[in-house]
Amino acid sequence: MNTDALTATGTEASAGSPIDGALQRIVLVRHAETEWSLTGQHTGSTDLPLTDTGRRKVALAGQRLAGQRFTRVLTSPLSRAAETCEITGFADQAEVHEALREWDYGAYEGRTTPQIREQDPGWELYRDGAPGGESPEQVRTRVDALLEELLALCRAGGHALLFSHGHLLRALAARWVGQPITLGRHLGLGTGSLSTLGWKRELTVIEVWNDRTHLGDA
């Protein structure tokens, strides 16, 4: 995997952007809103459905992606990602991929960061992991294995669409550009957002990140 520094991030999609049709890229979709994403509770294995607002807004992402073809469509097995995939119109093509599950928060499942820091001041997920859950090293290992598949796909001229979760996708983006997953703490990612991982010549880059323009007033 390329170890060059991050060369592009924080950009918004525009006409002709990678989200709108270029090949050899990976489009990331964070699942739409749930009750716990609204309250900031860490949601790993708890299998919450989307809210009605989430379903309505993610349909706008479906309009954005309509008509595009992907070599592979992969989704987390958790229902909030799978439902996002279905609403956007890609369920028929989708493969469930275990590596796209959200970070296992262990004892911190369902708790907010302020609540966790009452007992564990200074806690940082990407550095410390979660007791009884996954360590950063464990998440990096499964993300790296997935990226090997995706890199091979892209080098063969293919492109992929992934439906997953906030912390997992931030770790994946960090590793795509050869950085430690701790970079993920600096990559905010809203529900229903679209992002694109791609190439600049031989370098892996983040081309579009956290694009929510299709959500209107979200």
N, C-alpha and C. Protein backbone atom coordinates (compact mmCIF):
# COMPACT_ATOMS: atom_id res chain seq x y z
N MET A 1 0.84 -1.19 0.00
CA MET A 1 0.00 0.00 0.00
C MET A 1 0.87 1.24 0.00
N ASN A 2 0.51 2.23 -0.77
CA ASN A 2 1.28 3.46 -0.87
C ASN A 2 1.38 4.15 0.48
N THR A 3 2.55 4.67 0.82
CA THR A 3 2.76 5.32 2.10
C THR A 3 2.96 6.81 1.97
N ASP A 4 2.67 7.38 0.80
CA ASP A 4 2.81 8.82 0.64
C ASP A 4 1.77 9.54 1.48
N ALA A 5 2.09 10.79 1.82
CA ALA A 5 1.20 11.57 2.67
C ALA A 5 -0.11 11.86 1.96
N LEU A 6 -1.12 12.17 2.76
CA LEU A 6 -2.42 12.55 2.24
C LEU A 6 -2.26 13.74 1.30
N THR A 7 -2.83 13.63 0.08
CA THR A 7 -2.65 14.70 -0.89
C THR A 7 -3.91 15.48 -1.19
N ALA A 8 -5.07 14.97 -0.82
CA ALA A 8 -6.30 15.72 -1.08
C ALA A 8 -7.37 15.28 -0.11
N THR A 9 -7.98 16.22 0.59
CA THR A 9 -9.06 15.87 1.50
C THR A 9 -9.92 17.10 1.73
N GLY A 10 -11.14 16.88 2.26
CA GLY A 10 -12.02 18.00 2.58
C GLY A 10 -12.65 18.65 1.37
N THR A 11 -12.53 18.08 0.17
CA THR A 11 -13.10 18.69 -1.01
C THR A 11 -14.57 18.35 -1.12
N GLU A 12 -15.29 19.20 -1.83
CA GLU A 12 -16.70 18.95 -2.09
C GLU A 12 -16.87 18.52 -3.54
N ALA A 13 -17.89 17.68 -3.79
CA ALA A 13 -18.15 17.25 -5.15
C ALA A 13 -18.70 18.40 -5.97
N SER A 14 -18.41 18.38 -7.25
CA SER A 14 -18.95 19.35 -8.19
C SER A 14 -19.17 18.63 -9.50
N ALA A 15 -19.65 19.33 -10.51
CA ALA A 15 -19.87 18.69 -11.80
C ALA A 15 -18.58 18.05 -12.29
N GLY A 16 -18.67 16.79 -12.68
CA GLY A 16 -17.50 16.09 -13.16
C GLY A 16 -16.62 15.52 -12.06
N SER A 17 -17.08 15.56 -10.82
CA SER A 17 -16.28 15.03 -9.72
C SER A 17 -16.23 13.51 -9.78
N PRO A 18 -15.32 12.88 -9.02
CA PRO A 18 -15.23 11.41 -9.06
C PRO A 18 -16.52 10.69 -8.68
N ILE A 19 -17.36 11.32 -7.89
CA ILE A 19 -18.62 10.66 -7.53
C ILE A 19 -19.50 10.53 -8.77
N ASP A 20 -19.31 11.39 -9.75
CA ASP A 20 -20.21 11.46 -10.89
C ASP A 20 -19.73 10.70 -12.11
N GLY A 21 -18.85 9.69 -11.95
CA GLY A 21 -18.65 8.79 -13.07
C GLY A 21 -17.26 8.31 -13.40
N ALA A 22 -16.19 8.83 -12.79
CA ALA A 22 -14.85 8.36 -13.14
C ALA A 22 -14.65 6.92 -12.72
N LEU A 23 -13.80 6.21 -13.45
CA LEU A 23 -13.50 4.83 -13.12
C LEU A 23 -12.37 4.75 -12.11
N GLN A 24 -12.07 3.51 -11.70
CA GLN A 24 -10.96 3.24 -10.78
C GLN A 24 -11.06 4.11 -9.53
N ARG A 25 -12.19 3.99 -8.88
CA ARG A 25 -12.36 4.71 -7.63
C ARG A 25 -13.22 3.88 -6.71
N ILE A 26 -13.24 4.26 -5.45
CA ILE A 26 -14.08 3.61 -4.45
C ILE A 26 -14.97 4.69 -3.85
N VAL A 27 -16.27 4.52 -3.97
CA VAL A 27 -17.23 5.46 -3.40
C VAL A 27 -17.69 4.90 -2.06
N LEU A 28 -17.64 5.74 -1.04
CA LEU A 28 -18.03 5.36 0.32
C LEU A 28 -19.34 6.04 0.68
N VAL A 29 -20.26 5.28 1.23
CA VAL A 29 -21.52 5.83 1.72
C VAL A 29 -21.63 5.51 3.20
N ARG A 30 -21.67 6.55 4.02
CA ARG A 30 -21.97 6.29 5.43
C ARG A 30 -23.48 6.13 5.57
N HIS A 31 -23.89 5.15 6.38
CA HIS A 31 -25.33 4.92 6.54
C HIS A 31 -26.05 6.19 6.99
N ALA A 32 -27.34 6.21 6.78
CA ALA A 32 -28.15 7.36 7.13
C ALA A 32 -28.41 7.40 8.65
N GLU A 33 -29.13 8.42 9.04
CA GLU A 33 -29.36 8.73 10.45
C GLU A 33 -30.10 7.61 11.19
N THR A 34 -29.65 7.34 12.43
CA THR A 34 -30.35 6.49 13.39
C THR A 34 -30.62 7.30 14.65
N GLU A 35 -31.38 6.73 15.57
CA GLU A 35 -31.64 7.44 16.83
C GLU A 35 -30.34 7.69 17.60
N TRP A 36 -29.42 6.74 17.56
CA TRP A 36 -28.17 6.90 18.31
C TRP A 36 -27.19 7.83 17.61
N SER A 37 -27.23 7.91 16.29
CA SER A 37 -26.35 8.88 15.63
C SER A 37 -26.79 10.30 15.98
N LEU A 38 -28.07 10.49 16.22
CA LEU A 38 -28.57 11.80 16.63
C LEU A 38 -28.07 12.19 18.01
N THR A 39 -27.97 11.22 18.91
CA THR A 39 -27.58 11.50 20.29
C THR A 39 -26.08 11.35 20.53
N GLY A 40 -25.33 10.90 19.52
CA GLY A 40 -23.89 10.74 19.67
C GLY A 40 -23.48 9.49 20.42
N GLN A 41 -24.38 8.51 20.54
CA GLN A 41 -24.03 7.26 21.22
C GLN A 41 -23.26 6.35 20.28
N HIS A 42 -22.22 5.72 20.80
CA HIS A 42 -21.41 4.82 19.99
C HIS A 42 -22.24 3.59 19.63
N THR A 43 -22.38 3.36 18.33
CA THR A 43 -23.24 2.28 17.84
C THR A 43 -22.39 1.30 17.05
N GLY A 44 -22.02 0.20 17.69
CA GLY A 44 -21.25 -0.83 17.01
C GLY A 44 -22.16 -1.96 16.59
N SER A 45 -22.29 -2.97 17.44
CA SER A 45 -23.08 -4.15 17.10
C SER A 45 -24.58 -3.97 17.31
N THR A 46 -25.00 -2.94 18.05
CA THR A 46 -26.43 -2.71 18.23
C THR A 46 -27.06 -2.41 16.88
N ASP A 47 -28.05 -3.21 16.50
CA ASP A 47 -28.54 -3.17 15.13
C ASP A 47 -29.77 -2.28 15.02
N LEU A 48 -29.55 -0.97 15.02
CA LEU A 48 -30.65 -0.01 14.98
C LEU A 48 -31.11 0.25 13.56
N PRO A 49 -32.40 0.48 13.36
CA PRO A 49 -32.90 0.87 12.04
C PRO A 49 -32.63 2.35 11.78
N LEU A 50 -32.83 2.78 10.55
CA LEU A 50 -32.77 4.19 10.22
C LEU A 50 -34.01 4.91 10.75
N THR A 51 -33.88 6.19 11.01
CA THR A 51 -35.05 7.00 11.32
C THR A 51 -35.79 7.31 10.02
N ASP A 52 -37.03 7.79 10.14
CA ASP A 52 -37.78 8.19 8.95
C ASP A 52 -37.05 9.31 8.21
N THR A 53 -36.47 10.23 8.96
CA THR A 53 -35.70 11.31 8.33
C THR A 53 -34.50 10.74 7.60
N GLY A 54 -33.83 9.77 8.21
CA GLY A 54 -32.69 9.13 7.57
C GLY A 54 -33.08 8.47 6.26
N ARG A 55 -34.21 7.77 6.26
CA ARG A 55 -34.66 7.10 5.03
C ARG A 55 -34.97 8.12 3.93
N ARG A 56 -35.60 9.21 4.33
CA ARG A 56 -35.95 10.22 3.33
C ARG A 56 -34.70 10.87 2.75
N LYS A 57 -33.75 11.17 3.60
CA LYS A 57 -32.56 11.88 3.13
C LYS A 57 -31.63 10.98 2.33
N VAL A 58 -31.54 9.70 2.71
CA VAL A 58 -30.63 8.84 1.97
C VAL A 58 -31.17 8.55 0.57
N ALA A 59 -32.47 8.72 0.37
CA ALA A 59 -33.01 8.59 -0.98
C ALA A 59 -32.40 9.64 -1.90
N LEU A 60 -31.99 10.77 -1.34
CA LEU A 60 -31.33 11.81 -2.13
C LEU A 60 -29.94 11.35 -2.57
N ALA A 61 -29.28 10.58 -1.73
CA ALA A 61 -28.01 9.98 -2.15
C ALA A 61 -28.23 9.00 -3.28
N GLY A 62 -29.35 8.28 -3.22
CA GLY A 62 -29.69 7.36 -4.30
C GLY A 62 -29.86 8.08 -5.63
N GLN A 63 -30.47 9.25 -5.60
CA GLN A 63 -30.61 10.05 -6.81
C GLN A 63 -29.25 10.46 -7.35
N ARG A 64 -28.36 10.76 -6.45
CA ARG A 64 -26.99 11.17 -6.84
C ARG A 64 -26.24 10.03 -7.51
N LEU A 65 -26.48 8.81 -7.07
CA LEU A 65 -25.75 7.65 -7.59
C LEU A 65 -26.49 6.93 -8.71
N ALA A 66 -27.71 7.36 -9.01
CA ALA A 66 -28.55 6.66 -9.98
C ALA A 66 -27.87 6.55 -11.34
N GLY A 67 -27.97 5.37 -11.92
CA GLY A 67 -27.42 5.14 -13.25
C GLY A 67 -25.96 4.76 -13.29
N GLN A 68 -25.28 4.85 -12.16
CA GLN A 68 -23.88 4.48 -12.13
C GLN A 68 -23.73 2.97 -11.98
N ARG A 69 -22.67 2.44 -12.54
CA ARG A 69 -22.39 1.02 -12.43
C ARG A 69 -21.07 0.82 -11.70
N PHE A 70 -21.06 -0.18 -10.84
CA PHE A 70 -19.88 -0.49 -10.06
C PHE A 70 -19.52 -1.96 -10.25
N THR A 71 -18.23 -2.23 -10.28
CA THR A 71 -17.78 -3.60 -10.43
C THR A 71 -18.20 -4.43 -9.23
N ARG A 72 -18.09 -3.85 -8.03
CA ARG A 72 -18.54 -4.53 -6.82
C ARG A 72 -19.27 -3.53 -5.93
N VAL A 73 -20.32 -4.00 -5.28
CA VAL A 73 -21.03 -3.23 -4.26
C VAL A 73 -20.97 -4.05 -2.98
N LEU A 74 -20.42 -3.47 -1.93
CA LEU A 74 -20.23 -4.17 -0.66
C LEU A 74 -20.94 -3.43 0.44
N THR A 75 -21.55 -4.17 1.37
CA THR A 75 -22.22 -3.54 2.50
C THR A 75 -21.88 -4.25 3.80
N SER A 76 -21.85 -3.47 4.85
CA SER A 76 -21.80 -4.04 6.19
C SER A 76 -23.03 -4.91 6.40
N PRO A 77 -22.93 -5.96 7.23
CA PRO A 77 -24.11 -6.78 7.50
C PRO A 77 -25.13 -6.11 8.41
N LEU A 78 -24.77 -5.02 9.06
CA LEU A 78 -25.68 -4.37 9.99
C LEU A 78 -26.80 -3.66 9.23
N SER A 79 -28.00 -3.69 9.80
CA SER A 79 -29.18 -3.29 9.04
C SER A 79 -29.17 -1.82 8.64
N ARG A 80 -28.56 -0.95 9.43
CA ARG A 80 -28.57 0.47 9.07
C ARG A 80 -27.77 0.72 7.79
N ALA A 81 -26.71 -0.05 7.57
CA ALA A 81 -25.96 0.06 6.31
C ALA A 81 -26.68 -0.66 5.18
N ALA A 82 -27.20 -1.84 5.46
CA ALA A 82 -27.91 -2.60 4.43
C ALA A 82 -29.16 -1.86 3.96
N GLU A 83 -29.86 -1.21 4.89
CA GLU A 83 -31.05 -0.44 4.51
C GLU A 83 -30.67 0.77 3.67
N THR A 84 -29.57 1.41 4.02
CA THR A 84 -29.07 2.52 3.21
C THR A 84 -28.76 2.06 1.80
N CYS A 85 -28.12 0.90 1.69
CA CYS A 85 -27.82 0.31 0.39
C CYS A 85 -29.10 0.05 -0.40
N GLU A 86 -30.11 -0.49 0.26
CA GLU A 86 -31.37 -0.81 -0.41
C GLU A 86 -32.06 0.44 -0.92
N ILE A 87 -32.13 1.47 -0.07
CA ILE A 87 -32.83 2.70 -0.44
C ILE A 87 -32.15 3.39 -1.61
N THR A 88 -30.82 3.31 -1.68
CA THR A 88 -30.11 3.95 -2.79
C THR A 88 -30.19 3.15 -4.07
N GLY A 89 -30.75 1.93 -4.02
CA GLY A 89 -31.02 1.18 -5.23
C GLY A 89 -29.97 0.15 -5.63
N PHE A 90 -29.10 -0.25 -4.67
CA PHE A 90 -28.01 -1.16 -5.02
C PHE A 90 -28.10 -2.51 -4.32
N ALA A 91 -29.23 -2.80 -3.69
CA ALA A 91 -29.35 -4.04 -2.92
C ALA A 91 -29.19 -5.28 -3.80
N ASP A 92 -29.68 -5.23 -5.03
CA ASP A 92 -29.62 -6.42 -5.90
C ASP A 92 -28.19 -6.81 -6.24
N GLN A 93 -27.29 -5.84 -6.23
CA GLN A 93 -25.89 -6.11 -6.58
C GLN A 93 -25.02 -6.32 -5.35
N ALA A 94 -25.53 -5.99 -4.18
CA ALA A 94 -24.68 -5.90 -3.00
C ALA A 94 -24.24 -7.26 -2.47
N GLU A 95 -23.01 -7.30 -1.98
CA GLU A 95 -22.46 -8.44 -1.26
C GLU A 95 -22.22 -8.00 0.18
N VAL A 96 -22.60 -8.81 1.14
CA VAL A 96 -22.30 -8.52 2.54
C VAL A 96 -20.83 -8.83 2.80
N HIS A 97 -20.14 -7.87 3.40
CA HIS A 97 -18.71 -8.05 3.69
C HIS A 97 -18.48 -7.76 5.17
N GLU A 98 -18.05 -8.76 5.92
CA GLU A 98 -17.88 -8.63 7.36
C GLU A 98 -16.87 -7.54 7.74
N ALA A 99 -15.90 -7.29 6.88
CA ALA A 99 -14.88 -6.29 7.19
C ALA A 99 -15.46 -4.88 7.29
N LEU A 100 -16.68 -4.67 6.77
CA LEU A 100 -17.30 -3.35 6.81
C LEU A 100 -18.15 -3.12 8.05
N ARG A 101 -18.18 -4.09 8.97
CA ARG A 101 -18.86 -3.86 10.25
C ARG A 101 -18.23 -2.66 10.96
N GLU A 102 -19.06 -1.98 11.76
CA GLU A 102 -18.52 -0.88 12.57
C GLU A 102 -17.57 -1.40 13.63
N TRP A 103 -16.73 -0.54 14.12
CA TRP A 103 -15.83 -0.82 15.23
C TRP A 103 -16.63 -1.45 16.37
N ASP A 104 -16.08 -2.47 16.99
CA ASP A 104 -16.70 -3.09 18.17
C ASP A 104 -16.32 -2.26 19.39
N TYR A 105 -17.31 -1.58 19.99
CA TYR A 105 -17.05 -0.67 21.10
C TYR A 105 -17.05 -1.36 22.46
N GLY A 106 -17.34 -2.65 22.51
CA GLY A 106 -17.26 -3.38 23.76
C GLY A 106 -18.06 -2.74 24.87
N ALA A 107 -17.40 -2.46 25.99
CA ALA A 107 -18.06 -1.89 27.16
C ALA A 107 -18.57 -0.47 26.91
N TYR A 108 -18.11 0.17 25.85
CA TYR A 108 -18.52 1.55 25.58
C TYR A 108 -19.68 1.64 24.60
N GLU A 109 -20.23 0.49 24.20
CA GLU A 109 -21.39 0.48 23.31
C GLU A 109 -22.55 1.26 23.93
N GLY A 110 -23.14 2.14 23.12
CA GLY A 110 -24.29 2.91 23.56
C GLY A 110 -23.98 4.12 24.40
N ARG A 111 -22.71 4.39 24.65
CA ARG A 111 -22.33 5.53 25.47
C ARG A 111 -21.77 6.64 24.59
N THR A 112 -21.90 7.87 25.05
CA THR A 112 -21.33 9.00 24.33
C THR A 112 -19.89 9.23 24.79
N THR A 113 -19.14 9.97 24.02
CA THR A 113 -17.75 10.27 24.40
C THR A 113 -17.68 11.02 25.74
N PRO A 114 -18.52 12.04 26.00
CA PRO A 114 -18.47 12.69 27.32
C PRO A 114 -18.75 11.72 28.47
N GLN A 115 -19.69 10.80 28.29
CA GLN A 115 -19.98 9.81 29.33
C GLN A 115 -18.77 8.90 29.58
N ILE A 116 -18.13 8.48 28.49
CA ILE A 116 -16.95 7.62 28.63
C ILE A 116 -15.83 8.35 29.35
N ARG A 117 -15.64 9.62 29.03
CA ARG A 117 -14.52 10.38 29.60
C ARG A 117 -14.75 10.75 31.07
N GLU A 118 -15.98 10.59 31.55
CA GLU A 118 -16.19 10.76 32.99
C GLU A 118 -15.42 9.70 33.76
N GLN A 119 -15.29 8.51 33.19
CA GLN A 119 -14.55 7.42 33.83
C GLN A 119 -13.15 7.26 33.28
N ASP A 120 -12.95 7.68 32.04
CA ASP A 120 -11.68 7.46 31.35
C ASP A 120 -11.26 8.76 30.67
N PRO A 121 -10.79 9.74 31.48
CA PRO A 121 -10.44 11.05 30.92
C PRO A 121 -9.40 10.93 29.81
N GLY A 122 -9.61 11.69 28.76
CA GLY A 122 -8.66 11.69 27.66
C GLY A 122 -8.82 10.54 26.69
N TRP A 123 -9.83 9.70 26.90
CA TRP A 123 -10.02 8.55 26.03
C TRP A 123 -10.16 8.97 24.57
N GLU A 124 -9.52 8.24 23.67
CA GLU A 124 -9.60 8.47 22.23
C GLU A 124 -9.69 7.13 21.54
N LEU A 125 -10.77 6.91 20.82
CA LEU A 125 -11.04 5.61 20.21
C LEU A 125 -9.90 5.15 19.31
N TYR A 126 -9.43 6.02 18.42
CA TYR A 126 -8.43 5.61 17.43
C TYR A 126 -7.07 5.32 18.06
N ARG A 127 -6.87 5.78 19.26
CA ARG A 127 -5.61 5.50 19.96
C ARG A 127 -5.78 4.37 20.97
N ASP A 128 -6.93 4.34 21.67
CA ASP A 128 -7.09 3.46 22.82
C ASP A 128 -7.98 2.25 22.56
N GLY A 129 -8.80 2.29 21.52
CA GLY A 129 -9.76 1.22 21.33
C GLY A 129 -10.81 1.23 22.41
N ALA A 130 -11.42 0.07 22.65
CA ALA A 130 -12.50 -0.01 23.63
C ALA A 130 -12.35 -1.28 24.45
N PRO A 131 -12.49 -1.18 25.79
CA PRO A 131 -12.37 -2.38 26.62
C PRO A 131 -13.45 -3.40 26.29
N GLY A 132 -13.04 -4.64 26.08
CA GLY A 132 -13.98 -5.67 25.70
C GLY A 132 -14.39 -5.62 24.25
N GLY A 133 -13.86 -4.65 23.50
CA GLY A 133 -14.15 -4.52 22.09
C GLY A 133 -12.89 -4.64 21.26
N GLU A 134 -12.80 -3.85 20.20
CA GLU A 134 -11.65 -3.95 19.30
C GLU A 134 -10.58 -2.91 19.63
N SER A 135 -9.35 -3.32 19.44
CA SER A 135 -8.22 -2.40 19.54
C SER A 135 -8.00 -1.74 18.18
N PRO A 136 -7.27 -0.60 18.15
CA PRO A 136 -6.93 -0.01 16.85
C PRO A 136 -6.19 -0.98 15.95
N GLU A 137 -5.33 -1.81 16.52
CA GLU A 137 -4.57 -2.77 15.71
C GLU A 137 -5.49 -3.79 15.05
N GLN A 138 -6.51 -4.22 15.77
CA GLN A 138 -7.45 -5.20 15.20
C GLN A 138 -8.25 -4.58 14.06
N VAL A 139 -8.68 -3.33 14.23
CA VAL A 139 -9.42 -2.65 13.17
C VAL A 139 -8.52 -2.43 11.96
N ARG A 140 -7.28 -2.02 12.21
CA ARG A 140 -6.35 -1.82 11.10
C ARG A 140 -6.15 -3.11 10.31
N THR A 141 -6.04 -4.23 11.00
CA THR A 141 -5.82 -5.51 10.31
C THR A 141 -6.97 -5.85 9.38
N ARG A 142 -8.21 -5.68 9.84
CA ARG A 142 -9.32 -6.05 8.96
C ARG A 142 -9.53 -5.02 7.85
N VAL A 143 -9.25 -3.75 8.13
CA VAL A 143 -9.34 -2.74 7.08
C VAL A 143 -8.28 -2.98 6.00
N ASP A 144 -7.06 -3.31 6.43
CA ASP A 144 -5.98 -3.55 5.46
C ASP A 144 -6.29 -4.75 4.57
N ALA A 145 -6.88 -5.79 5.13
CA ALA A 145 -7.24 -6.95 4.32
C ALA A 145 -8.28 -6.58 3.27
N LEU A 146 -9.25 -5.77 3.64
CA LEU A 146 -10.25 -5.31 2.68
C LEU A 146 -9.61 -4.45 1.61
N LEU A 147 -8.70 -3.58 2.01
CA LEU A 147 -8.07 -2.69 1.03
C LEU A 147 -7.22 -3.44 0.03
N GLU A 148 -6.64 -4.55 0.42
CA GLU A 148 -5.90 -5.36 -0.55
C GLU A 148 -6.84 -5.81 -1.66
N GLU A 149 -8.06 -6.21 -1.30
CA GLU A 149 -9.05 -6.59 -2.31
C GLU A 149 -9.40 -5.41 -3.21
N LEU A 150 -9.62 -4.26 -2.60
CA LEU A 150 -10.05 -3.09 -3.35
C LEU A 150 -8.95 -2.56 -4.25
N LEU A 151 -7.72 -2.59 -3.76
CA LEU A 151 -6.60 -2.14 -4.59
C LEU A 151 -6.45 -3.02 -5.82
N ALA A 152 -6.58 -4.31 -5.64
CA ALA A 152 -6.49 -5.23 -6.78
C ALA A 152 -7.61 -4.95 -7.77
N LEU A 153 -8.80 -4.68 -7.28
CA LEU A 153 -9.93 -4.36 -8.14
C LEU A 153 -9.66 -3.10 -8.95
N CYS A 154 -9.18 -2.06 -8.29
CA CYS A 154 -8.92 -0.79 -8.97
C CYS A 154 -7.80 -0.93 -9.99
N ARG A 155 -6.77 -1.67 -9.65
CA ARG A 155 -5.65 -1.83 -10.58
C ARG A 155 -6.07 -2.60 -11.83
N ALA A 156 -7.13 -3.38 -11.70
CA ALA A 156 -7.67 -4.10 -12.86
C ALA A 156 -8.69 -3.25 -13.63
N GLY A 157 -8.86 -1.99 -13.22
CA GLY A 157 -9.78 -1.10 -13.91
C GLY A 157 -11.17 -1.05 -13.33
N GLY A 158 -11.39 -1.68 -12.18
CA GLY A 158 -12.71 -1.72 -11.58
C GLY A 158 -12.96 -0.58 -10.61
N HIS A 159 -14.17 -0.55 -10.11
CA HIS A 159 -14.55 0.47 -9.14
C HIS A 159 -15.61 -0.11 -8.21
N ALA A 160 -15.65 0.39 -6.98
CA ALA A 160 -16.48 -0.22 -5.94
C ALA A 160 -17.32 0.83 -5.21
N LEU A 161 -18.44 0.36 -4.68
CA LEU A 161 -19.33 1.17 -3.86
C LEU A 161 -19.48 0.46 -2.53
N LEU A 162 -19.18 1.18 -1.42
CA LEU A 162 -19.18 0.59 -0.09
C LEU A 162 -20.18 1.30 0.81
N PHE A 163 -20.98 0.52 1.55
CA PHE A 163 -21.92 1.05 2.53
C PHE A 163 -21.46 0.59 3.91
N SER A 164 -21.14 1.55 4.77
CA SER A 164 -20.59 1.17 6.07
C SER A 164 -20.86 2.26 7.09
N HIS A 165 -19.95 2.43 8.03
CA HIS A 165 -20.18 3.20 9.26
C HIS A 165 -19.08 4.25 9.47
N GLY A 166 -19.39 5.20 10.32
CA GLY A 166 -18.52 6.36 10.48
C GLY A 166 -17.09 6.07 10.87
N HIS A 167 -16.88 5.38 11.99
CA HIS A 167 -15.51 5.15 12.44
C HIS A 167 -14.76 4.18 11.54
N LEU A 168 -15.45 3.18 11.04
CA LEU A 168 -14.80 2.21 10.16
C LEU A 168 -14.35 2.87 8.86
N LEU A 169 -15.22 3.68 8.26
CA LEU A 169 -14.86 4.32 7.00
C LEU A 169 -13.74 5.34 7.18
N ARG A 170 -13.69 6.00 8.31
CA ARG A 170 -12.60 6.93 8.57
C ARG A 170 -11.27 6.19 8.70
N ALA A 171 -11.29 5.03 9.34
CA ALA A 171 -10.08 4.21 9.42
C ALA A 171 -9.68 3.72 8.04
N LEU A 172 -10.65 3.32 7.24
CA LEU A 172 -10.36 2.82 5.90
C LEU A 172 -9.73 3.90 5.03
N ALA A 173 -10.25 5.12 5.12
CA ALA A 173 -9.70 6.22 4.33
C ALA A 173 -8.26 6.52 4.75
N ALA A 174 -8.00 6.49 6.04
CA ALA A 174 -6.63 6.72 6.52
C ALA A 174 -5.66 5.69 5.96
N ARG A 175 -6.07 4.43 5.98
CA ARG A 175 -5.19 3.38 5.48
C ARG A 175 -5.07 3.40 3.96
N TRP A 176 -6.10 3.87 3.25
CA TRP A 176 -6.02 3.99 1.80
C TRP A 176 -4.85 4.87 1.38
N VAL A 177 -4.61 5.92 2.16
CA VAL A 177 -3.49 6.81 1.84
C VAL A 177 -2.24 6.47 2.64
N GLY A 178 -2.21 5.25 3.20
CA GLY A 178 -1.00 4.77 3.84
C GLY A 178 -0.67 5.38 5.18
N GLN A 179 -1.67 5.96 5.85
CA GLN A 179 -1.46 6.61 7.13
C GLN A 179 -1.96 5.74 8.29
N PRO A 180 -1.46 5.97 9.51
CA PRO A 180 -2.02 5.25 10.66
C PRO A 180 -3.51 5.56 10.80
N ILE A 181 -4.27 4.62 11.36
CA ILE A 181 -5.71 4.88 11.46
C ILE A 181 -6.03 6.02 12.41
N THR A 182 -5.06 6.47 13.20
CA THR A 182 -5.29 7.64 14.05
C THR A 182 -5.63 8.88 13.23
N LEU A 183 -5.28 8.89 11.94
CA LEU A 183 -5.69 10.01 11.09
C LEU A 183 -7.21 10.12 11.07
N GLY A 184 -7.90 9.00 11.27
CA GLY A 184 -9.35 9.00 11.21
C GLY A 184 -10.02 9.96 12.18
N ARG A 185 -9.35 10.27 13.28
CA ARG A 185 -9.95 11.20 14.25
C ARG A 185 -10.12 12.60 13.65
N HIS A 186 -9.37 12.90 12.59
CA HIS A 186 -9.42 14.21 11.96
C HIS A 186 -10.34 14.25 10.75
N LEU A 187 -10.99 13.14 10.43
CA LEU A 187 -11.83 13.06 9.24
C LEU A 187 -13.30 12.95 9.65
N GLY A 188 -13.93 14.06 9.88
CA GLY A 188 -15.35 14.03 10.23
C GLY A 188 -16.17 13.46 9.10
N LEU A 189 -17.21 12.69 9.45
CA LEU A 189 -17.99 12.01 8.42
C LEU A 189 -19.44 11.95 8.86
N GLY A 190 -20.29 12.71 8.19
CA GLY A 190 -21.69 12.79 8.57
C GLY A 190 -22.52 11.66 8.00
N THR A 191 -23.68 11.42 8.62
CA THR A 191 -24.59 10.38 8.12
C THR A 191 -25.09 10.74 6.73
N GLY A 192 -25.21 9.71 5.88
CA GLY A 192 -25.70 9.92 4.53
C GLY A 192 -24.71 10.56 3.58
N SER A 193 -23.47 10.72 4.02
CA SER A 193 -22.47 11.39 3.19
C SER A 193 -21.89 10.47 2.12
N LEU A 194 -21.33 11.08 1.08
CA LEU A 194 -20.63 10.39 0.02
C LEU A 194 -19.18 10.85 0.01
N SER A 195 -18.27 9.91 -0.17
CA SER A 195 -16.85 10.21 -0.26
C SER A 195 -16.25 9.35 -1.36
N THR A 196 -15.09 9.76 -1.86
CA THR A 196 -14.45 9.00 -2.93
C THR A 196 -12.96 8.85 -2.66
N LEU A 197 -12.50 7.61 -2.72
CA LEU A 197 -11.08 7.28 -2.69
C LEU A 197 -10.65 6.96 -4.11
N GLY A 198 -9.53 7.53 -4.52
CA GLY A 198 -9.11 7.31 -5.90
C GLY A 198 -7.61 7.40 -6.07
N TRP A 199 -7.20 7.86 -7.25
CA TRP A 199 -5.80 7.85 -7.64
C TRP A 199 -5.42 9.19 -8.25
N LYS A 200 -4.19 9.59 -8.00
CA LYS A 200 -3.56 10.68 -8.75
C LYS A 200 -2.26 10.11 -9.27
N ARG A 201 -2.28 9.76 -10.57
CA ARG A 201 -1.22 8.96 -11.15
C ARG A 201 -1.08 7.68 -10.32
N GLU A 202 0.08 7.40 -9.79
CA GLU A 202 0.26 6.14 -9.05
C GLU A 202 -0.08 6.27 -7.57
N LEU A 203 -0.46 7.44 -7.11
CA LEU A 203 -0.70 7.67 -5.69
C LEU A 203 -2.17 7.48 -5.32
N THR A 204 -2.42 6.82 -4.21
CA THR A 204 -3.78 6.76 -3.68
C THR A 204 -4.09 8.07 -2.98
N VAL A 205 -5.28 8.61 -3.21
CA VAL A 205 -5.66 9.90 -2.65
C VAL A 205 -7.12 9.86 -2.19
N ILE A 206 -7.46 10.76 -1.30
CA ILE A 206 -8.85 11.03 -0.95
C ILE A 206 -9.30 12.17 -1.87
N GLU A 207 -10.20 11.86 -2.78
CA GLU A 207 -10.60 12.85 -3.78
C GLU A 207 -11.79 13.69 -3.33
N VAL A 208 -12.74 13.06 -2.68
CA VAL A 208 -13.94 13.75 -2.17
C VAL A 208 -14.18 13.23 -0.77
N TRP A 209 -14.49 14.12 0.16
CA TRP A 209 -14.71 13.65 1.53
C TRP A 209 -15.92 14.33 2.14
N ASN A 210 -16.78 13.53 2.77
CA ASN A 210 -17.91 14.01 3.56
C ASN A 210 -18.81 14.95 2.77
N ASP A 211 -19.09 14.60 1.54
CA ASP A 211 -19.95 15.41 0.70
C ASP A 211 -21.41 15.15 1.08
N ARG A 212 -22.08 16.19 1.56
CA ARG A 212 -23.48 16.10 1.95
C ARG A 212 -24.33 17.12 1.19
N THR A 213 -23.81 17.62 0.09
CA THR A 213 -24.54 18.66 -0.64
C THR A 213 -25.89 18.16 -1.15
N HIS A 214 -26.01 16.86 -1.42
CA HIS A 214 -27.27 16.30 -1.89
C HIS A 214 -28.34 16.28 -0.82
N LEU A 215 -27.95 16.50 0.44
CA LEU A 215 -28.92 16.44 1.54
C LEU A 215 -29.58 17.79 1.80
N GLY A 216 -29.24 18.77 1.03
CA GLY A 216 -29.89 20.06 1.17
C GLY A 216 -29.55 20.73 2.47
N ASP A 217 -30.53 20.84 3.39
CA ASP A 217 -30.33 21.57 4.64
C ASP A 217 -29.80 20.69 5.74
N ALA A 218 -29.31 19.46 5.44
CA ALA A 218 -28.83 18.54 6.47
C ALA A 218 -27.62 19.11 7.17
